[in-house]
Amino acid sequence: MDTKENGMKASPQDLYGDNLNRYKQWNSAHNITPYNDSVYERDFRQKVIKFLYENKVKLYKSTTEGNMLVKLMNISFTPNNTLSRHIYSFTCTAY
């Protein structure tokens, strides 16, 4: 997914805006690194889920078939319980 083309911005700056310094200070004070930052992971996942559930046509880039316009239907996210529900399985039907 090319976030520049589809307008989905999900960097910490984009997600937290004016609160970015407070977010960084909290992480620093609590020894939270990019490798164990579950708050950012959750916020990023929610942003992706919101993007996928939008009722808009999306551009799908395939190396073998080129660019295609698709609309996602029957979207489903299922958390993996053995991985503390951090990893999700994603299924959908693309038309």
Protein backbone atom coordinates (compact mmCIF):
# COMPACT_ATOMS: atom_id res chain seq x y z
CA MET A 1 0.00 0.00 0.00
CA ASP A 2 1.44 3.35 -0.98
CA THR A 3 0.42 5.74 1.77
CA LYS A 4 1.51 8.80 -0.22
CA GLU A 5 -0.91 8.10 -3.04
CA ASN A 6 -3.95 7.09 -1.01
CA GLY A 7 -3.71 9.83 1.58
CA MET A 8 -3.53 7.52 4.60
CA LYS A 9 -0.95 9.09 6.86
CA ALA A 10 -0.09 7.03 9.90
CA SER A 11 3.27 8.21 11.19
CA PRO A 12 3.43 9.21 14.88
CA GLN A 13 3.42 12.87 13.77
CA ASP A 14 0.23 12.32 11.77
CA LEU A 15 -1.51 10.30 14.49
CA TYR A 16 -0.61 12.43 17.51
CA GLY A 17 -0.15 15.88 15.96
CA ASP A 18 0.34 18.51 18.68
CA ASN A 19 0.65 15.80 21.33
CA LEU A 20 3.72 14.21 19.71
CA ASN A 21 6.16 15.70 22.24
CA ARG A 22 4.03 14.49 25.15
CA TYR A 23 3.82 11.04 23.52
CA LYS A 24 7.63 10.91 23.10
CA GLN A 25 8.24 12.09 26.69
CA TRP A 26 5.89 9.41 28.04
CA ASN A 27 7.63 6.72 26.01
CA SER A 28 11.06 7.93 27.13
CA ALA A 29 10.07 8.05 30.80
CA HIS A 30 8.64 4.51 30.65
CA ASN A 31 11.41 2.94 28.53
CA ILE A 32 9.09 2.31 25.61
CA THR A 33 10.94 1.78 22.34
CA PRO A 34 9.60 1.37 18.77
CA TYR A 35 9.96 -2.39 19.34
CA ASN A 36 7.52 -2.54 22.27
CA ASP A 37 5.23 0.45 21.61
CA SER A 38 1.84 -1.24 21.74
CA VAL A 39 -0.02 2.09 21.87
CA TYR A 40 1.33 3.19 18.49
CA GLU A 41 0.71 -0.30 17.09
CA ARG A 42 -2.92 -0.14 18.21
CA ASP A 43 -3.44 3.38 16.84
CA PHE A 44 -1.78 2.44 13.54
CA ARG A 45 -3.94 -0.71 13.29
CA GLN A 46 -7.10 1.33 13.94
CA LYS A 47 -6.09 3.81 11.23
CA VAL A 48 -5.56 0.95 8.73
CA ILE A 49 -8.88 -0.66 9.70
CA LYS A 50 -10.68 2.64 9.23
CA PHE A 51 -9.04 3.07 5.81
CA LEU A 52 -10.01 -0.44 4.71
CA TYR A 53 -13.63 -0.04 5.88
CA GLU A 54 -14.09 3.20 3.94
CA ASN A 55 -16.64 2.65 1.22
CA LYS A 56 -14.30 3.91 -1.51
CA VAL A 57 -12.61 2.39 -4.51
CA LYS A 58 -8.94 1.69 -3.83
CA LEU A 59 -5.96 1.33 -6.15
CA TYR A 60 -4.36 -2.11 -6.00
CA LYS A 61 -0.89 -2.45 -7.51
CA SER A 62 0.00 -5.93 -8.69
CA THR A 63 3.41 -6.71 -10.16
CA THR A 64 1.91 -9.29 -12.52
CA GLU A 65 -1.39 -7.63 -13.49
CA GLY A 66 -0.61 -3.94 -13.11
CA ASN A 67 -2.89 -1.40 -11.46
CA MET A 68 -6.49 -2.32 -10.64
CA LEU A 69 -9.33 -0.45 -9.02
CA VAL A 70 -10.92 -2.55 -6.29
CA LYS A 71 -13.69 -2.20 -3.76
CA LEU A 72 -13.40 -4.25 -0.57
CA MET A 73 -16.40 -6.16 0.71
CA ASN A 74 -16.97 -8.70 3.53
CA ILE A 75 -14.02 -7.34 5.52
CA SER A 76 -12.99 -9.35 8.56
CA PHE A 77 -10.22 -8.94 11.14
CA THR A 78 -9.51 -11.78 13.55
CA PRO A 79 -6.97 -11.39 16.38
CA ASN A 80 -4.50 -14.20 16.99
CA ASN A 81 -4.93 -15.14 20.66
CA THR A 82 -1.60 -16.97 20.89
CA LEU A 83 0.23 -13.72 20.06
CA SER A 84 -1.52 -11.64 22.74
CA ARG A 85 -3.99 -10.36 20.14
CA HIS A 86 -1.30 -8.12 18.58
CA ILE A 87 -1.38 -9.84 15.18
CA TYR A 88 -4.62 -10.01 13.20
CA SER A 89 -5.72 -12.14 10.28
CA PHE A 90 -7.33 -10.08 7.52
CA THR A 91 -9.78 -11.39 4.94
CA CYS A 92 -11.97 -9.64 2.41
CA THR A 93 -13.47 -9.95 -1.03
CA ALA A 94 -12.12 -7.51 -3.59
CA TYR A 95 -14.30 -6.58 -6.56
